[in-house]
Amino acid sequence: MFYNNKVLMAKNGDKEFYMLLNMVNKHGLIAGGTGSGKTITLKVMAESFADAGVPVFLADVKGDLAGMCIEGLDSEDMKKRIEKFKLNEYGFEYKKFTTQFFEINRKYGLPVRTTISNFGPTLLSHIFELNQTQSDVLNVIFKIADDERLLLLDLKDLKKMIEYVSEHLKDFSSVYGNITKPSLQSILRSMISLEQEGIDLLFGEPEIELYDLIKTDSNGKGIINILHSQSLILSPRVYSAFMLWFISELYEKLPEVGDLDKPKFVFFFDEAHILFKDCSKVLLKKIDQITKLIRSKGVGLFFITQDPTDIPDTILQQLGNKVQHVHRSYTAKDKRNHKAICDSFRDNKDLNISEVLETLGTGEALVSFLDEKGAPNIVEFAKVLPPQSKMGTIDDEKRNQEMKSSMIYSKYIEDLDRESAYEVLNKKIEELNNTIDINDESDEKISKSELKELEKQKKELQKEYEKELKEQMKREAAERKKVNSAIKSVVKTTGGTIGREITKSLTEAIFGSNKAAKRVASNIGSSLGRNILGTLLKG
């Protein structure tokens, strides 16, 4: 509990064991076997930091940390513990803490997301369990996406990017080095396998902003951010990579602050051994570097694990504040680890560390916190204080109530799917698929949309031509009609005159001056003359 501007963690009779707030950024360790009391220790620390105005982030892997949003219950057991520790003298009271619930699967908390680009190829390689060659190829894919300004926000973007690179393998290999299809296929297989575990829900937008977690409530108390991890822990690679990404984000985005009176933020990494299992040298080096340097950002890291020897020595030696619960030795390996744990403490001549370590009861621990100068105190036997909030889980109704009352609920509850690599590459692929050859022997290409426009123009020209042809035919027909009318007039006039003159001469030669014969000859001559002239003109 938070008392006298310090964190009162444990007691042994009247002897008190405090953690100094200005030493919290020197990190810490909570270790011990199953059922030894690690969760209670974590709760007491988190509650104390929150009371001191320090925001906290922790993973709830068993579902029993959610009760922090409810006041503790006054049971007979709690009354005995309060009396035993004389906690009334310290102003102990049951209280609830301001909490924000998160979950990757989104059922028991607000969705917590990041983008593929922000997560990066190193952590993705760890999740996908890629070998060095495949990791290099994944780095190249990220490089291509960056060079072509393609956003990688979610898994469908990464899939489409791999498809795009695969289809243009020759072009990209000539620029970025050898990229093989087997490597691309391996990455895809790993991705599809992890999708079945729900990893796709981790990637997308809106991306979680750290400053929404590093906040205090209206009373100046630190907000406790709880990541519901019961299902997430079943995918150890995803869990460890996400937690490491979170730490990396803290390191990269928070400013340097130097030594503070109290930390700006405290991060608890439960089941920490998962992080280091099958961890590559590159990733281990990164974790080691972050652990060393993040303290200057005002961040305290607490690793929680069953066996501290699961944590690499380079990191373990940086964890100054220690609470070690029971560790029992059954195998030869257990005994070696047991000795290593004992050797990690500053010796206490009045305490048989090895013997006590194996006989600790639930809630009992060996403790060693940093003093004012940053040096570890000698190891001591102590009993951890009880938490002030409810121990155990909460029902769905209460959880939903807490979620909806959060100031950031409306900001993160809805998914955002803006244009990214998936949409851009789909358009590009569609355009490429819609190209055809104008000439089989030519490299010149034309798109179907352009061809369609040309066909349209052709039809319009054809209509104009047909229209003009009809008009021309009409004009020619009219001209012919005029000519025919003229011909008929000429034939009628000229042919009649010619015919009459011919028949007149013949009639006079035959019939002399007979008038009746002349009239008949004149009519016959006119008709005959017109027929003859018409025939000649037609010919």
Protein backbone atom coordinates (compact mmCIF):
# COMPACT_ATOMS: atom_id res chain seq x y z
CA MET A 1 0.00 0.00 0.00
CA PHE A 2 1.06 3.60 -0.56
CA TYR A 3 2.15 5.08 2.74
CA ASN A 4 4.36 8.01 3.70
CA ASN A 5 5.25 8.61 0.02
CA LYS A 6 6.66 5.08 -0.25
CA VAL A 7 5.34 1.67 -1.28
CA LEU A 8 4.87 -0.51 1.81
CA MET A 9 5.15 -4.00 0.32
CA ALA A 10 5.65 -6.40 3.21
CA LYS A 11 6.19 -6.77 6.95
CA ASN A 12 7.86 -9.17 9.32
CA GLY A 13 6.49 -8.41 12.77
CA ASP A 14 7.10 -4.71 13.23
CA LYS A 15 9.76 -4.57 10.56
CA GLU A 16 8.60 -2.81 7.39
CA PHE A 17 9.85 -3.30 3.85
CA TYR A 18 9.42 -0.39 1.49
CA MET A 19 10.03 0.20 -2.17
CA LEU A 20 11.26 3.72 -2.93
CA LEU A 21 9.39 5.47 -5.74
CA ASN A 22 12.52 7.09 -7.16
CA MET A 23 14.07 3.62 -7.51
CA VAL A 24 11.14 1.97 -9.30
CA ASN A 25 12.61 2.82 -12.73
CA LYS A 26 15.54 0.55 -11.81
CA HIS A 27 13.08 -2.26 -12.55
CA GLY A 28 12.10 -5.33 -10.59
CA LEU A 29 11.33 -9.03 -10.38
CA ILE A 30 8.41 -11.02 -8.95
CA ALA A 31 9.17 -14.75 -9.01
CA GLY A 32 7.85 -17.95 -7.53
CA GLY A 33 6.08 -21.21 -8.22
CA THR A 34 2.39 -21.64 -9.01
CA GLY A 35 0.16 -20.64 -6.10
CA SER A 36 2.96 -18.91 -4.21
CA GLY A 37 1.32 -15.46 -4.20
CA LYS A 38 2.82 -13.68 -7.22
CA THR A 39 -0.55 -12.26 -8.29
CA ILE A 40 -1.21 -10.72 -4.87
CA THR A 41 2.26 -9.15 -4.90
CA LEU A 42 1.58 -7.70 -8.35
CA LYS A 43 -1.76 -6.28 -7.18
CA VAL A 44 -0.27 -4.63 -4.11
CA MET A 45 2.44 -3.03 -6.24
CA ALA A 46 0.02 -1.84 -8.94
CA GLU A 47 -2.43 -0.40 -6.39
CA SER A 48 0.38 1.43 -4.59
CA PHE A 49 1.76 2.93 -7.79
CA ALA A 50 -1.74 4.07 -8.81
CA ASP A 51 -2.26 5.70 -5.39
CA ALA A 52 1.06 7.48 -5.88
CA GLY A 53 -0.22 8.93 -9.17
CA VAL A 54 1.70 6.53 -11.42
CA PRO A 55 -0.18 4.88 -14.36
CA VAL A 56 0.27 1.13 -14.71
CA PHE A 57 -0.06 -1.44 -17.50
CA LEU A 58 -0.34 -5.15 -16.72
CA ALA A 59 -1.43 -8.36 -18.39
CA ASP A 60 -4.17 -10.38 -16.70
CA VAL A 61 -3.29 -13.92 -17.79
CA LYS A 62 -5.61 -15.67 -15.32
CA GLY A 63 -8.51 -13.23 -15.29
CA ASP A 64 -8.24 -12.47 -11.55
CA LEU A 65 -6.84 -8.93 -11.72
CA ALA A 66 -10.03 -7.33 -13.02
CA GLY A 67 -11.35 -6.94 -9.46
CA MET A 68 -9.19 -3.84 -9.04
CA CYS A 69 -12.16 -1.75 -10.19
CA ILE A 70 -14.16 -2.90 -7.11
CA GLU A 71 -13.53 -2.25 -3.43
CA GLY A 72 -12.13 -5.14 -1.43
CA LEU A 73 -14.55 -7.33 0.51
CA ASP A 74 -14.42 -7.30 4.30
CA SER A 75 -14.15 -11.05 4.93
CA GLU A 76 -13.03 -12.84 8.09
CA ASP A 77 -9.74 -13.74 6.46
CA MET A 78 -9.10 -10.11 5.54
CA LYS A 79 -9.93 -8.96 9.09
CA LYS A 80 -7.33 -11.37 10.47
CA ARG A 81 -4.70 -10.18 8.01
CA ILE A 82 -5.41 -6.52 8.72
CA GLU A 83 -5.09 -7.16 12.42
CA LYS A 84 -1.95 -9.27 11.99
CA PHE A 85 -0.20 -6.56 9.96
CA LYS A 86 -1.65 -3.76 12.15
CA LEU A 87 -2.76 -2.11 8.95
CA ASN A 88 -5.27 0.18 10.66
CA GLU A 89 -2.27 2.11 11.95
CA TYR A 90 -1.31 2.87 8.34
CA GLY A 91 -4.80 3.99 7.34
CA PHE A 92 -5.59 0.85 5.37
CA GLU A 93 -8.99 0.99 3.69
CA TYR A 94 -10.82 -0.96 1.02
CA LYS A 95 -10.88 0.95 -2.23
CA LYS A 96 -11.41 0.64 -5.94
CA PHE A 97 -9.06 1.92 -8.62
CA THR A 98 -9.68 3.58 -11.95
CA THR A 99 -9.19 0.92 -14.59
CA GLN A 100 -9.21 0.61 -18.37
CA PHE A 101 -9.76 -2.82 -19.89
CA PHE A 102 -8.20 -3.94 -23.17
CA GLU A 103 -8.14 -7.16 -25.14
CA ILE A 104 -6.85 -8.13 -28.57
CA ASN A 105 -9.89 -10.36 -29.14
CA ARG A 106 -12.14 -7.43 -28.14
CA LYS A 107 -14.64 -9.34 -26.03
CA TYR A 108 -13.41 -8.39 -22.56
CA GLY A 109 -11.88 -5.02 -23.30
CA LEU A 110 -11.35 -2.21 -25.77
CA PRO A 111 -9.53 -3.36 -28.90
CA VAL A 112 -5.81 -2.78 -28.71
CA ARG A 113 -4.28 -2.50 -32.15
CA THR A 114 -1.07 -1.57 -33.89
CA THR A 115 -0.14 -1.43 -37.56
CA ILE A 116 2.04 -3.88 -39.44
CA SER A 117 4.46 -1.05 -40.31
CA ASN A 118 4.78 0.03 -36.70
CA PHE A 119 5.15 -3.53 -35.44
CA GLY A 120 8.04 -4.02 -37.84
CA PRO A 121 9.75 -6.97 -39.56
CA THR A 122 11.90 -7.99 -36.56
CA LEU A 123 8.97 -8.78 -34.27
CA LEU A 124 6.98 -10.29 -37.14
CA SER A 125 9.90 -12.61 -37.89
CA HIS A 126 9.82 -13.68 -34.24
CA ILE A 127 6.08 -14.37 -34.37
CA PHE A 128 6.30 -16.19 -37.71
CA GLU A 129 9.34 -18.19 -36.51
CA LEU A 130 11.26 -17.33 -39.67
CA ASN A 131 14.85 -18.32 -40.34
CA GLN A 132 17.47 -15.70 -41.19
CA THR A 133 16.91 -15.89 -44.96
CA GLN A 134 13.15 -15.55 -44.60
CA SER A 135 13.62 -12.67 -42.15
CA ASP A 136 15.81 -10.90 -44.70
CA VAL A 137 13.12 -11.33 -47.36
CA LEU A 138 10.51 -9.89 -44.99
CA ASN A 139 12.77 -6.89 -44.43
CA VAL A 140 13.01 -6.43 -48.20
CA ILE A 141 9.20 -6.51 -48.48
CA PHE A 142 8.98 -3.72 -45.92
CA LYS A 143 11.64 -1.79 -47.85
CA ILE A 144 9.74 -2.12 -51.13
CA ALA A 145 6.52 -0.99 -49.46
CA ASP A 146 8.34 2.00 -48.02
CA ASP A 147 9.97 2.93 -51.34
CA GLU A 148 6.65 2.71 -53.18
CA ARG A 149 4.83 4.56 -50.37
CA LEU A 150 2.45 1.70 -49.67
CA LEU A 151 0.94 1.65 -46.20
CA LEU A 152 1.10 -1.68 -44.37
CA LEU A 153 -1.64 -1.40 -41.77
CA ASP A 154 -3.06 -4.89 -41.36
CA LEU A 155 -2.41 -8.48 -42.43
CA LYS A 156 -4.32 -8.18 -45.70
CA ASP A 157 -1.93 -5.40 -46.67
CA LEU A 158 1.06 -7.63 -45.97
CA LYS A 159 -0.51 -10.52 -47.88
CA LYS A 160 -1.21 -8.34 -50.89
CA MET A 161 2.32 -6.95 -50.73
CA ILE A 162 3.78 -10.47 -50.79
CA GLU A 163 1.52 -11.33 -53.75
CA TYR A 164 2.63 -8.20 -55.58
CA VAL A 165 6.33 -8.94 -55.00
CA SER A 166 5.82 -12.55 -56.07
CA GLU A 167 4.22 -11.49 -59.37
CA HIS A 168 7.11 -9.11 -60.13
CA LEU A 169 9.88 -11.21 -58.66
CA LYS A 170 12.35 -10.66 -61.49
CA ASP A 171 12.00 -6.87 -61.42
CA PHE A 172 12.36 -6.57 -57.64
CA SER A 173 15.19 -9.10 -57.38
CA SER A 174 17.26 -7.05 -59.80
CA VAL A 175 16.93 -4.00 -57.54
CA TYR A 176 16.75 -5.40 -53.99
CA GLY A 177 18.69 -8.64 -54.31
CA ASN A 178 17.57 -12.22 -54.60
CA ILE A 179 14.00 -12.87 -53.43
CA THR A 180 12.85 -16.46 -53.69
CA LYS A 181 9.30 -17.75 -53.99
CA PRO A 182 9.85 -20.48 -51.36
CA SER A 183 10.70 -17.77 -48.80
CA LEU A 184 7.59 -15.79 -49.71
CA GLN A 185 5.47 -18.93 -49.44
CA SER A 186 6.94 -19.75 -46.01
CA ILE A 187 6.04 -16.29 -44.74
CA LEU A 188 2.50 -16.70 -46.06
CA ARG A 189 2.10 -20.12 -44.46
CA SER A 190 3.21 -18.80 -41.08
CA MET A 191 0.85 -15.88 -41.41
CA ILE A 192 -2.13 -18.08 -42.26
CA SER A 193 -1.32 -20.39 -39.35
CA LEU A 194 -1.29 -17.52 -36.86
CA GLU A 195 -4.47 -16.04 -38.31
CA GLN A 196 -6.26 -19.08 -36.91
CA GLU A 197 -5.08 -17.93 -33.48
CA GLY A 198 -6.57 -14.47 -34.01
CA ILE A 199 -3.40 -12.54 -34.72
CA ASP A 200 -5.17 -10.54 -37.44
CA LEU A 201 -7.15 -8.75 -34.70
CA LEU A 202 -3.94 -7.25 -33.37
CA PHE A 203 -3.24 -5.29 -36.56
CA GLY A 204 -5.26 -2.36 -37.82
CA GLU A 205 -6.45 1.09 -36.91
CA PRO A 206 -7.04 3.15 -34.89
CA GLU A 207 -3.69 2.30 -33.36
CA ILE A 208 -3.39 2.50 -29.58
CA GLU A 209 -1.72 5.73 -28.47
CA LEU A 210 0.57 5.41 -25.48
CA TYR A 211 -0.45 8.73 -24.05
CA ASP A 212 -4.00 7.39 -23.63
CA LEU A 213 -2.53 4.89 -21.16
CA ILE A 214 -0.11 7.18 -19.38
CA LYS A 215 -2.82 9.16 -17.61
CA THR A 216 -4.16 9.93 -14.17
CA ASP A 217 -7.82 10.19 -13.19
CA SER A 218 -9.66 13.27 -11.93
CA ASN A 219 -8.26 12.67 -8.44
CA GLY A 220 -4.67 12.52 -9.66
CA LYS A 221 -4.47 8.75 -9.20
CA GLY A 222 -2.74 6.63 -11.81
CA ILE A 223 -5.01 4.66 -14.14
CA ILE A 224 -4.49 0.89 -14.11
CA ASN A 225 -4.59 -0.47 -17.67
CA ILE A 226 -5.44 -4.18 -17.75
CA LEU A 227 -4.86 -6.33 -20.84
CA HIS A 228 -7.15 -9.37 -20.62
CA SER A 229 -4.79 -12.13 -21.73
CA GLN A 230 -6.43 -15.47 -20.96
CA SER A 231 -6.81 -16.31 -24.64
CA LEU A 232 -3.74 -14.37 -25.76
CA ILE A 233 -1.44 -16.40 -23.51
CA LEU A 234 -2.47 -19.50 -25.49
CA SER A 235 -0.51 -17.97 -28.39
CA PRO A 236 2.82 -17.40 -26.60
CA ARG A 237 4.61 -15.95 -29.62
CA VAL A 238 1.89 -13.36 -30.19
CA TYR A 239 1.69 -12.52 -26.48
CA SER A 240 5.44 -12.05 -26.05
CA ALA A 241 5.81 -10.08 -29.29
CA PHE A 242 2.97 -7.75 -28.39
CA MET A 243 4.37 -7.08 -24.93
CA LEU A 244 7.81 -6.44 -26.38
CA TRP A 245 6.31 -4.11 -29.00
CA PHE A 246 4.64 -2.19 -26.19
CA ILE A 247 7.92 -1.79 -24.31
CA SER A 248 9.65 -0.73 -27.54
CA GLU A 249 6.99 1.90 -28.15
CA LEU A 250 7.52 3.29 -24.66
CA TYR A 251 11.24 3.49 -25.28
CA GLU A 252 10.99 5.09 -28.72
CA LYS A 253 8.23 7.62 -28.08
CA LEU A 254 8.74 8.84 -24.53
CA PRO A 255 11.20 11.69 -24.01
CA GLU A 256 14.30 11.51 -21.83
CA VAL A 257 13.50 12.72 -18.32
CA GLY A 258 16.46 11.58 -16.22
CA ASP A 259 15.98 10.81 -12.53
CA LEU A 260 12.49 11.56 -11.21
CA ASP A 261 10.92 11.49 -7.76
CA LYS A 262 8.59 8.82 -9.09
CA PRO A 263 8.24 6.96 -12.39
CA LYS A 264 6.02 8.19 -15.19
CA PHE A 265 4.78 4.69 -15.96
CA VAL A 266 5.18 1.12 -14.69
CA PHE A 267 4.88 -1.94 -16.94
CA PHE A 268 4.35 -5.48 -15.59
CA PHE A 269 5.38 -8.34 -17.88
CA ASP A 270 3.68 -11.49 -16.58
CA GLU A 271 4.85 -14.93 -17.74
CA ALA A 272 8.09 -13.23 -18.79
CA HIS A 273 9.84 -16.53 -19.51
CA ILE A 274 7.75 -16.78 -22.70
CA LEU A 275 9.54 -13.75 -24.10
CA PHE A 276 12.95 -15.39 -23.92
CA LYS A 277 11.99 -18.84 -25.16
CA ASP A 278 13.51 -19.42 -28.62
CA CYS A 279 14.46 -15.75 -28.69
CA SER A 280 16.85 -14.79 -31.51
CA LYS A 281 20.14 -13.07 -30.73
CA VAL A 282 18.95 -9.92 -32.49
CA LEU A 283 15.77 -9.78 -30.44
CA LEU A 284 17.56 -10.59 -27.18
CA LYS A 285 20.01 -7.79 -27.83
CA LYS A 286 17.12 -5.41 -28.42
CA ILE A 287 15.40 -6.41 -25.14
CA ASP A 288 18.64 -5.97 -23.24
CA GLN A 289 19.18 -2.53 -24.76
CA ILE A 290 15.62 -1.37 -24.02
CA THR A 291 15.81 -2.60 -20.42
CA LYS A 292 19.00 -0.62 -19.86
CA LEU A 293 17.91 2.60 -21.50
CA ILE A 294 14.19 2.86 -20.80
CA ARG A 295 14.81 3.83 -17.17
CA SER A 296 15.93 7.27 -18.41
CA LYS A 297 12.42 7.65 -19.87
CA GLY A 298 10.94 7.30 -16.39
CA VAL A 299 9.59 3.78 -17.00
CA GLY A 300 9.84 0.91 -14.55
CA LEU A 301 9.71 -2.68 -15.84
CA PHE A 302 8.71 -5.61 -13.62
CA PHE A 303 9.23 -9.14 -14.92
CA ILE A 304 7.02 -11.85 -13.42
CA THR A 305 7.98 -15.49 -13.81
CA GLN A 306 8.10 -18.81 -12.00
CA ASP A 307 11.83 -19.28 -12.24
CA PRO A 308 14.09 -16.20 -12.49
CA THR A 309 16.78 -18.25 -14.23
CA ASP A 310 14.50 -18.27 -17.29
CA ILE A 311 15.48 -14.62 -17.70
CA PRO A 312 18.92 -14.03 -19.30
CA ASP A 313 21.63 -12.89 -16.88
CA THR A 314 22.23 -9.62 -18.74
CA ILE A 315 18.63 -8.62 -18.02
CA LEU A 316 18.26 -10.28 -14.62
CA GLN A 317 21.14 -8.26 -13.18
CA GLN A 318 19.27 -5.05 -14.08
CA LEU A 319 16.26 -5.94 -11.91
CA GLY A 320 17.03 -4.20 -8.63
CA ASN A 321 13.75 -4.64 -6.68
CA LYS A 322 13.04 -8.30 -5.97
CA VAL A 323 10.24 -10.29 -4.42
CA GLN A 324 11.05 -14.01 -4.53
CA HIS A 325 8.32 -16.46 -3.50
CA VAL A 326 8.86 -20.16 -2.89
CA HIS A 327 11.11 -22.16 -5.22
CA ARG A 328 11.27 -25.92 -4.71
CA SER A 329 14.00 -28.18 -6.06
CA TYR A 330 13.12 -31.60 -7.42
CA THR A 331 15.49 -32.22 -10.31
CA ALA A 332 19.19 -31.60 -10.80
CA LYS A 333 18.30 -28.59 -12.95
CA ASP A 334 15.99 -27.25 -10.21
CA LYS A 335 18.84 -27.49 -7.71
CA ARG A 336 21.21 -25.60 -9.98
CA ASN A 337 18.58 -22.93 -10.51
CA HIS A 338 17.90 -22.85 -6.75
CA LYS A 339 21.55 -22.09 -6.05
CA ALA A 340 21.60 -19.39 -8.74
CA ILE A 341 18.56 -17.71 -7.15
CA CYS A 342 20.20 -17.71 -3.72
CA ASP A 343 23.42 -16.30 -5.16
CA SER A 344 21.52 -13.43 -6.80
CA PHE A 345 20.67 -11.89 -3.41
CA ARG A 346 22.85 -9.81 -1.16
CA ASP A 347 23.67 -12.20 1.68
CA ASN A 348 22.10 -11.99 5.14
CA LYS A 349 24.19 -13.72 7.79
CA ASP A 350 21.10 -14.17 9.98
CA LEU A 351 19.13 -15.96 7.24
CA ASN A 352 19.60 -19.35 5.61
CA ILE A 353 18.43 -18.24 2.18
CA SER A 354 18.44 -21.70 0.60
CA GLU A 355 16.40 -23.32 3.36
CA VAL A 356 13.88 -20.48 3.65
CA LEU A 357 13.42 -20.30 -0.11
CA GLU A 358 12.17 -23.90 -0.22
CA THR A 359 9.83 -23.58 2.74
CA LEU A 360 8.06 -20.28 2.05
CA GLY A 361 4.29 -20.38 2.39
CA THR A 362 1.71 -18.61 0.21
CA GLY A 363 2.15 -14.85 0.50
CA GLU A 364 5.58 -15.21 2.09
CA ALA A 365 8.69 -14.10 0.23
CA LEU A 366 12.33 -13.17 0.27
CA VAL A 367 12.51 -9.45 -0.44
CA SER A 368 15.31 -7.08 -1.40
CA PHE A 369 14.64 -3.51 -2.51
CA LEU A 370 17.03 -0.76 -3.57
CA ASP A 371 18.06 1.80 -0.97
CA GLU A 372 18.38 5.58 -1.38
CA LYS A 373 21.72 5.17 -3.18
CA GLY A 374 20.40 2.53 -5.59
CA ALA A 375 22.19 -0.37 -3.88
CA PRO A 376 20.26 -3.57 -3.02
CA ASN A 377 19.40 -4.14 0.62
CA ILE A 378 20.25 -7.46 2.21
CA VAL A 379 17.68 -10.17 1.61
CA GLU A 380 14.94 -10.51 4.22
CA PHE A 381 12.07 -12.85 4.97
CA ALA A 382 8.69 -11.06 4.90
CA LYS A 383 4.97 -11.46 4.38
CA VAL A 384 3.36 -9.50 1.56
CA LEU A 385 0.50 -7.17 2.52
CA PRO A 386 -3.06 -7.84 1.24
CA PRO A 387 -4.51 -5.75 -1.61
CA GLN A 388 -7.14 -3.06 -1.00
CA SER A 389 -9.31 -3.91 -4.00
CA LYS A 390 -11.36 -7.02 -4.65
CA MET A 391 -9.43 -10.22 -5.23
CA GLY A 392 -10.74 -12.16 -8.20
CA THR A 393 -12.59 -11.45 -11.43
CA ILE A 394 -15.73 -9.44 -12.22
CA ASP A 395 -18.90 -10.22 -14.19
CA ASP A 396 -19.44 -9.13 -17.79
CA GLU A 397 -21.95 -6.44 -16.84
CA LYS A 398 -19.47 -4.67 -14.58
CA ARG A 399 -16.71 -5.04 -17.15
CA ASN A 400 -18.86 -3.50 -19.90
CA GLN A 401 -19.82 -0.69 -17.55
CA GLU A 402 -16.16 0.07 -16.88
CA MET A 403 -15.30 -0.11 -20.57
CA LYS A 404 -18.05 2.29 -21.64
CA SER A 405 -17.24 4.75 -18.88
CA SER A 406 -13.69 5.10 -20.18
CA MET A 407 -12.85 8.47 -21.76
CA ILE A 408 -11.24 6.67 -24.71
CA TYR A 409 -14.12 4.24 -25.41
CA SER A 410 -15.46 6.07 -28.48
CA LYS A 411 -11.94 6.55 -29.84
CA TYR A 412 -11.07 2.86 -30.11
CA ILE A 413 -14.28 0.84 -30.19
CA GLU A 414 -14.82 1.18 -33.97
CA ASP A 415 -12.42 -0.15 -36.62
CA LEU A 416 -10.91 2.19 -39.19
CA ASP A 417 -10.02 0.84 -42.63
CA ARG A 418 -8.44 3.57 -44.75
CA GLU A 419 -6.80 3.10 -48.15
CA SER A 420 -3.55 1.20 -47.80
CA ALA A 421 -1.39 -1.29 -49.71
CA TYR A 422 -4.28 -3.73 -50.19
CA GLU A 423 -6.52 -1.22 -51.95
CA VAL A 424 -3.73 0.49 -53.91
CA LEU A 425 -2.24 -2.78 -55.20
CA ASN A 426 -5.65 -4.17 -56.10
CA LYS A 427 -6.19 -1.16 -58.37
CA LYS A 428 -2.73 -1.53 -59.86
CA ILE A 429 -3.15 -5.27 -60.49
CA GLU A 430 -6.56 -4.65 -62.08
CA GLU A 431 -5.04 -2.10 -64.43
CA LEU A 432 -2.24 -4.49 -65.36
CA ASN A 433 -4.72 -7.31 -65.98
CA ASN A 434 -6.77 -5.03 -68.23
CA THR A 435 -3.93 -4.33 -70.70
CA ILE A 436 -3.87 -6.04 -74.15
CA ASP A 437 -1.49 -6.01 -77.16
CA ILE A 438 -2.41 -3.77 -80.10
CA ASN A 439 -0.08 -5.76 -82.31
CA ASP A 440 1.34 -9.15 -81.38
CA GLU A 441 4.68 -8.09 -82.88
CA SER A 442 4.72 -4.76 -81.04
CA ASP A 443 5.56 -3.92 -77.44
CA GLU A 444 3.05 -1.06 -77.54
CA LYS A 445 0.08 -1.69 -75.28
CA ILE A 446 -3.33 -0.14 -74.86
CA SER A 447 -5.79 -0.57 -72.04
CA LYS A 448 -9.31 -1.92 -72.54
CA SER A 449 -10.76 1.37 -71.40
CA GLU A 450 -8.79 3.19 -74.12
CA LEU A 451 -9.85 0.61 -76.71
CA LYS A 452 -13.48 1.04 -75.69
CA GLU A 453 -13.19 4.79 -76.26
CA LEU A 454 -11.72 4.21 -79.72
CA GLU A 455 -14.56 1.84 -80.60
CA LYS A 456 -17.04 4.50 -79.56
CA GLN A 457 -15.35 7.10 -81.75
CA LYS A 458 -15.35 4.65 -84.66
CA LYS A 459 -19.11 4.10 -84.35
CA GLU A 460 -19.74 7.83 -84.24
CA LEU A 461 -17.67 8.33 -87.40
CA GLN A 462 -19.50 5.45 -89.08
CA LYS A 463 -22.86 7.10 -88.32
CA GLU A 464 -21.67 10.44 -89.66
CA TYR A 465 -20.41 8.74 -92.84
CA GLU A 466 -23.69 6.88 -93.36
CA LYS A 467 -25.66 10.07 -92.79
CA GLU A 468 -23.50 11.99 -95.25
CA LEU A 469 -23.82 9.14 -97.80
CA LYS A 470 -27.62 9.25 -97.55
CA GLU A 471 -27.61 13.02 -98.01
CA GLN A 472 -25.36 12.65 -101.05
CA MET A 473 -27.66 10.01 -102.55
CA LYS A 474 -30.65 12.26 -101.97
CA ARG A 475 -28.86 15.16 -103.68
CA GLU A 476 -27.90 12.94 -106.65
CA ALA A 477 -31.46 11.61 -106.96
CA ALA A 478 -32.79 15.16 -106.95
CA GLU A 479 -30.28 16.13 -109.62
CA ARG A 480 -31.26 13.13 -111.73
CA LYS A 481 -34.90 14.05 -111.34
CA LYS A 482 -34.17 17.56 -112.55
CA VAL A 483 -32.20 16.20 -115.52
CA ASN A 484 -34.94 13.74 -116.44
CA SER A 485 -37.55 16.51 -116.31
CA ALA A 486 -35.41 18.67 -118.57
CA ILE A 487 -34.86 15.80 -120.96
CA LYS A 488 -38.57 15.11 -121.14
CA SER A 489 -39.28 18.77 -121.86
CA VAL A 490 -36.64 18.87 -124.58
CA VAL A 491 -37.87 15.61 -126.09
CA LYS A 492 -41.45 16.75 -125.97
CA THR A 493 -40.71 20.07 -127.64
CA THR A 494 -37.82 19.26 -129.94
CA GLY A 495 -38.86 15.72 -130.82
CA GLY A 496 -42.37 16.87 -131.77
CA THR A 497 -41.04 19.61 -134.05
CA ILE A 498 -38.53 17.31 -135.73
CA GLY A 499 -41.09 14.55 -136.16
CA ARG A 500 -43.64 16.92 -137.65
CA GLU A 501 -41.16 18.29 -140.16
CA ILE A 502 -40.11 14.83 -141.29
CA THR A 503 -43.66 13.53 -141.68
CA LYS A 504 -44.74 16.79 -143.36
CA SER A 505 -42.13 16.34 -146.08
CA LEU A 506 -43.07 12.72 -146.60
CA THR A 507 -46.84 13.50 -146.68
CA GLU A 508 -46.45 16.25 -149.24
CA ALA A 509 -44.38 13.97 -151.40
CA ILE A 510 -47.00 11.22 -151.21
CA PHE A 511 -50.35 12.96 -150.73
CA GLY A 512 -49.71 16.40 -152.10
CA SER A 513 -51.79 19.09 -150.49
CA ASN A 514 -54.43 16.87 -148.84
CA LYS A 515 -55.23 18.66 -145.47
CA ALA A 516 -56.57 15.62 -143.65
CA ALA A 517 -53.45 13.66 -144.46
CA LYS A 518 -51.28 16.51 -143.26
CA ARG A 519 -53.08 16.64 -139.83
CA VAL A 520 -52.67 12.91 -139.32
CA ALA A 521 -49.04 13.07 -140.40
CA SER A 522 -48.37 15.97 -138.01
CA ASN A 523 -49.74 14.04 -134.97
CA ILE A 524 -47.91 10.90 -135.96
CA GLY A 525 -44.71 12.85 -136.59
CA SER A 526 -44.77 14.57 -133.17
CA SER A 527 -45.18 11.30 -131.32
CA LEU A 528 -42.64 9.53 -133.45
CA GLY A 529 -40.11 12.32 -133.15
CA ARG A 530 -40.36 12.37 -129.35
CA ASN A 531 -39.87 8.58 -129.11
CA ILE A 532 -36.89 8.60 -131.42
CA LEU A 533 -35.17 11.52 -129.61
CA GLY A 534 -35.90 9.98 -126.20
CA THR A 535 -34.32 6.72 -127.27
CA LEU A 536 -31.25 8.50 -128.58
CA LEU A 537 -30.80 10.54 -125.37
CA LYS A 538 -31.12 7.44 -123.17
CA GLY A 539 -28.48 5.72 -125.22
